[in-house]
Structures are given as structure tokens and as C-alpha cells.
Amino acid sequence: MVTPLRSQVLAHYKKLIRTAQDVFQNDPVRIASMTQGIRENFTHYKNVTDEKTIKELIRAAKDTDSFLRRQVLQTVQTSENTYLVKPYMLFDNTRMIRECEDDEKAHHEEEEEKARQQGLSPCEIAAQKFK
């Protein structure tokens, strides 16, 4: 394996282990399971020498890290029907949350503009939001 690729592989191995520890914080069984799976996966491909294949595997490691950080939700049950999302998700997905809020704001602005074109007053526009 070429030295720069080797260092990238090791860096992504360490990053995936840290991601599993962050994502499954306070869940030692899940952390152990993820760590074992990561270790087995990297061990399985340790003898690969083709540079193109190694780059594809590095890309897969990046995608896995991104998936774990953005798609896996860890929650804590606070009452019978209520769950609280663990704080790291709120921090990690700040950009995604902002994008959703921006999309929602743009949608409301479009609706308000249509209402103004129909000659509705600001009070009538506000009343339509609650219908």
C-alpha cells in the first residue's frame, strides 16, 4: 500500500472508531459491537494493494462516518410517550436544521406573497396560517 494511502486508511479507521464512540455514547454494548465490526471490516481488506480499490474503500469509510453522524439518532425516553434526542445530534446537524428552517421560511414567504397578490390584509394572511 502506498504510504499516503496507508495513512489515510489509518486515519479513517480511527475516525470511525471515534464516531462510533460519539454516536453511541453511554451505550457500551453498541460501541463494542460497532468497534468490532469496524475492526473486522478493515482487517478483511488489509491485503488489498490496488490503489483504485483502496480509494473506493476510503470513500466507503467516509460515507459510513457521514451516515453514522447524520442519520443515526440516539434518544433517551423521558416519559411513556416522550423521547429526547441526545445533544450531539442537534450540534452535528445544525446545518441541516438551518436548511430545513430556511426552506420552511421560503415556503411561508411564497404563501404570503400569493396572499398579498390576492389582496388580503396582513391579519387575513396570519389567520390563514392557523387554518
C-alpha atoms as a PDB file:
ATOM      1  CA  MET A   1       0.000   0.000   0.000  1.00  0.00           C
ATOM      2  CA  VAL A   2       1.317   3.454  -0.881  1.00  0.00           C
ATOM      3  CA  THR A   3       2.320   5.402   2.255  1.00  0.00           C
ATOM      4  CA  PRO A   4      -0.101   8.365   1.818  1.00  0.00           C
ATOM      5  CA  LEU A   5      -2.975   5.915   1.268  1.00  0.00           C
ATOM      6  CA  ARG A   6      -1.893   3.901   4.298  1.00  0.00           C
ATOM      7  CA  SER A   7      -2.041   6.995   6.493  1.00  0.00           C
ATOM      8  CA  GLN A   8      -5.486   7.859   5.070  1.00  0.00           C
ATOM      9  CA  VAL A   9      -6.752   4.349   5.809  1.00  0.00           C
ATOM     10  CA  LEU A  10      -5.463   4.500   9.384  1.00  0.00           C
ATOM     11  CA  ALA A  11      -6.922   7.987   9.857  1.00  0.00           C
ATOM     12  CA  HIS A  12     -10.360   6.814   8.692  1.00  0.00           C
ATOM     13  CA  TYR A  13     -10.158   3.712  10.875  1.00  0.00           C
ATOM     14  CA  LYS A  14      -9.523   5.908  13.923  1.00  0.00           C
ATOM     15  CA  LYS A  15     -12.208   8.367  12.850  1.00  0.00           C
ATOM     16  CA  LEU A  16     -14.827   5.606  12.518  1.00  0.00           C
ATOM     17  CA  ILE A  17     -13.956   4.283  15.978  1.00  0.00           C
ATOM     18  CA  ARG A  18     -14.307   7.794  17.456  1.00  0.00           C
ATOM     19  CA  THR A  19     -17.568   8.325  15.567  1.00  0.00           C
ATOM     20  CA  ALA A  20     -18.995   5.096  16.984  1.00  0.00           C
ATOM     21  CA  GLN A  21     -17.994   6.233  20.469  1.00  0.00           C
ATOM     22  CA  ASP A  22     -19.646   9.634  19.918  1.00  0.00           C
ATOM     23  CA  VAL A  23     -22.801   8.381  18.234  1.00  0.00           C
ATOM     24  CA  PHE A  24     -23.426   5.553  20.708  1.00  0.00           C
ATOM     25  CA  GLN A  25     -22.266   7.433  23.778  1.00  0.00           C
ATOM     26  CA  ASN A  26     -23.407   5.742  27.020  1.00  0.00           C
ATOM     27  CA  ASP A  27     -24.265   2.559  25.110  1.00  0.00           C
ATOM     28  CA  PRO A  28     -21.229   0.295  25.710  1.00  0.00           C
ATOM     29  CA  VAL A  29     -22.785  -2.750  24.045  1.00  0.00           C
ATOM     30  CA  ARG A  30     -23.412  -0.839  20.815  1.00  0.00           C
ATOM     31  CA  ILE A  31     -19.939   0.757  20.947  1.00  0.00           C
ATOM     32  CA  ALA A  32     -18.308  -2.665  21.347  1.00  0.00           C
ATOM     33  CA  SER A  33     -20.386  -4.089  18.506  1.00  0.00           C
ATOM     34  CA  MET A  34     -19.559  -1.197  16.167  1.00  0.00           C
ATOM     35  CA  THR A  35     -15.869  -1.275  17.082  1.00  0.00           C
ATOM     36  CA  GLN A  36     -15.719  -5.000  16.401  1.00  0.00           C
ATOM     37  CA  GLY A  37     -17.491  -4.571  13.061  1.00  0.00           C
ATOM     38  CA  ILE A  38     -15.154  -1.755  12.019  1.00  0.00           C
ATOM     39  CA  ARG A  39     -12.101  -3.772  13.050  1.00  0.00           C
ATOM     40  CA  GLU A  40     -13.325  -6.869  11.167  1.00  0.00           C
ATOM     41  CA  ASN A  41     -14.079  -4.843   8.049  1.00  0.00           C
ATOM     42  CA  PHE A  42     -10.686  -3.164   7.995  1.00  0.00           C
ATOM     43  CA  THR A  43      -8.930  -6.494   8.744  1.00  0.00           C
ATOM     44  CA  HIS A  44     -10.826  -8.166   5.874  1.00  0.00           C
ATOM     45  CA  TYR A  45      -9.439  -5.644   3.369  1.00  0.00           C
ATOM     46  CA  LYS A  46      -5.925  -5.242   4.847  1.00  0.00           C
ATOM     47  CA  ASN A  47      -4.229  -7.136   1.991  1.00  0.00           C
ATOM     48  CA  VAL A  48      -5.753  -5.051  -0.805  1.00  0.00           C
ATOM     49  CA  THR A  49      -2.974  -3.463  -2.874  1.00  0.00           C
ATOM     50  CA  ASP A  50      -4.853  -1.958  -5.834  1.00  0.00           C
ATOM     51  CA  GLU A  51      -4.795   1.830  -5.413  1.00  0.00           C
ATOM     52  CA  LYS A  52      -8.207   2.320  -7.056  1.00  0.00           C
ATOM     53  CA  THR A  53      -9.822  -0.245  -4.739  1.00  0.00           C
ATOM     54  CA  ILE A  54      -8.181   1.338  -1.694  1.00  0.00           C
ATOM     55  CA  LYS A  55      -9.552   4.749  -2.698  1.00  0.00           C
ATOM     56  CA  GLU A  56     -13.039   3.231  -3.078  1.00  0.00           C
ATOM     57  CA  LEU A  57     -12.745   1.690   0.386  1.00  0.00           C
ATOM     58  CA  ILE A  58     -11.643   5.048   1.817  1.00  0.00           C
ATOM     59  CA  ARG A  59     -14.684   6.672   0.202  1.00  0.00           C
ATOM     60  CA  ALA A  60     -16.885   3.963   1.741  1.00  0.00           C
ATOM     61  CA  ALA A  61     -15.359   4.710   5.159  1.00  0.00           C
ATOM     62  CA  LYS A  62     -16.111   8.431   4.695  1.00  0.00           C
ATOM     63  CA  ASP A  63     -19.699   7.638   3.670  1.00  0.00           C
ATOM     64  CA  THR A  64     -20.138   5.363   6.678  1.00  0.00           C
ATOM     65  CA  ASP A  65     -18.839   8.057   9.021  1.00  0.00           C
ATOM     66  CA  SER A  66     -21.168  10.623   7.480  1.00  0.00           C
ATOM     67  CA  PHE A  67     -24.128   8.223   7.688  1.00  0.00           C
ATOM     68  CA  LEU A  68     -23.489   7.477  11.367  1.00  0.00           C
ATOM     69  CA  ARG A  69     -23.184  11.154  12.268  1.00  0.00           C
ATOM     70  CA  ARG A  70     -26.171  12.363  10.259  1.00  0.00           C
ATOM     71  CA  GLN A  71     -28.665   9.508  10.174  1.00  0.00           C
ATOM     72  CA  VAL A  72     -28.410   7.650  13.469  1.00  0.00           C
ATOM     73  CA  LEU A  73     -30.487   9.145  16.254  1.00  0.00           C
ATOM     74  CA  GLN A  74     -29.853   8.232  19.851  1.00  0.00           C
ATOM     75  CA  THR A  75     -32.724   9.079  22.159  1.00  0.00           C
ATOM     76  CA  VAL A  76     -33.491   8.905  25.832  1.00  0.00           C
ATOM     77  CA  GLN A  77     -37.001   8.049  26.973  1.00  0.00           C
ATOM     78  CA  THR A  78     -38.198  10.801  29.321  1.00  0.00           C
ATOM     79  CA  SER A  79     -41.743   9.537  29.839  1.00  0.00           C
ATOM     80  CA  GLU A  80     -44.041   6.883  28.432  1.00  0.00           C
ATOM     81  CA  ASN A  81     -44.514   8.527  25.023  1.00  0.00           C
ATOM     82  CA  THR A  82     -41.742  11.121  25.043  1.00  0.00           C
ATOM     83  CA  TYR A  83     -38.166  10.799  23.832  1.00  0.00           C
ATOM     84  CA  LEU A  84     -35.362  13.328  23.918  1.00  0.00           C
ATOM     85  CA  VAL A  85     -32.751  13.429  21.137  1.00  0.00           C
ATOM     86  CA  LYS A  86     -29.219  13.314  22.508  1.00  0.00           C
ATOM     87  CA  PRO A  87     -27.481  16.698  22.233  1.00  0.00           C
ATOM     88  CA  TYR A  88     -24.680  15.724  19.823  1.00  0.00           C
ATOM     89  CA  MET A  89     -27.253  15.227  17.076  1.00  0.00           C
ATOM     90  CA  LEU A  90     -28.513  18.763  17.480  1.00  0.00           C
ATOM     91  CA  PHE A  91     -24.964  20.096  17.245  1.00  0.00           C
ATOM     92  CA  ASP A  92     -23.899  17.811  14.413  1.00  0.00           C
ATOM     93  CA  ASN A  93     -26.930  18.523  12.265  1.00  0.00           C
ATOM     94  CA  THR A  94     -27.055  22.288  12.815  1.00  0.00           C
ATOM     95  CA  ARG A  95     -26.521  22.949   9.112  1.00  0.00           C
ATOM     96  CA  MET A  96     -29.277  20.512   8.148  1.00  0.00           C
ATOM     97  CA  ILE A  97     -31.671  22.031  10.700  1.00  0.00           C
ATOM     98  CA  ARG A  98     -30.902  25.523   9.377  1.00  0.00           C
ATOM     99  CA  GLU A  99     -31.534  24.378   5.800  1.00  0.00           C
ATOM    100  CA  CYS A 100     -34.923  22.941   6.810  1.00  0.00           C
ATOM    101  CA  GLU A 101     -35.811  26.171   8.617  1.00  0.00           C
ATOM    102  CA  ASP A 102     -34.726  28.210   5.584  1.00  0.00           C
ATOM    103  CA  ASP A 103     -36.856  26.035   3.288  1.00  0.00           C
ATOM    104  CA  GLU A 104     -39.838  26.445   5.603  1.00  0.00           C
ATOM    105  CA  LYS A 105     -39.314  30.215   5.788  1.00  0.00           C
ATOM    106  CA  ALA A 106     -39.088  30.463   1.987  1.00  0.00           C
ATOM    107  CA  HIS A 107     -42.307  28.421   1.670  1.00  0.00           C
ATOM    108  CA  HIS A 108     -44.138  30.764   4.082  1.00  0.00           C
ATOM    109  CA  GLU A 109     -42.838  33.828   2.239  1.00  0.00           C
ATOM    110  CA  GLU A 110     -44.157  32.405  -1.043  1.00  0.00           C
ATOM    111  CA  GLU A 111     -47.570  31.806   0.544  1.00  0.00           C
ATOM    112  CA  GLU A 112     -47.635  35.350   1.965  1.00  0.00           C
ATOM    113  CA  GLU A 113     -46.731  36.807  -1.430  1.00  0.00           C
ATOM    114  CA  LYS A 114     -49.579  34.862  -3.088  1.00  0.00           C
ATOM    115  CA  ALA A 115     -51.986  36.124  -0.425  1.00  0.00           C
ATOM    116  CA  ARG A 116     -50.853  39.733  -0.941  1.00  0.00           C
ATOM    117  CA  GLN A 117     -51.424  39.347  -4.669  1.00  0.00           C
ATOM    118  CA  GLN A 118     -54.965  38.236  -3.853  1.00  0.00           C
ATOM    119  CA  GLY A 119     -55.426  41.495  -1.917  1.00  0.00           C
ATOM    120  CA  LEU A 120     -55.556  40.008   1.589  1.00  0.00           C
ATOM    121  CA  SER A 121     -54.635  42.120   4.617  1.00  0.00           C
ATOM    122  CA  PRO A 122     -51.780  41.097   6.990  1.00  0.00           C
ATOM    123  CA  CYS A 123     -54.396  39.928   9.536  1.00  0.00           C
ATOM    124  CA  GLU A 124     -56.114  37.750   6.953  1.00  0.00           C
ATOM    125  CA  ILE A 125     -52.748  36.300   5.925  1.00  0.00           C
ATOM    126  CA  ALA A 126     -51.958  35.474   9.577  1.00  0.00           C
ATOM    127  CA  ALA A 127     -55.387  33.889  10.022  1.00  0.00           C
ATOM    128  CA  GLN A 128     -54.789  31.637   7.018  1.00  0.00           C
ATOM    129  CA  LYS A 129     -51.688  30.193   8.692  1.00  0.00           C
ATOM    130  CA  PHE A 130     -53.834  28.804  11.513  1.00  0.00           C
ATOM    131  CA  LYS A 131     -56.422  27.176   9.264  1.00  0.00           C
END
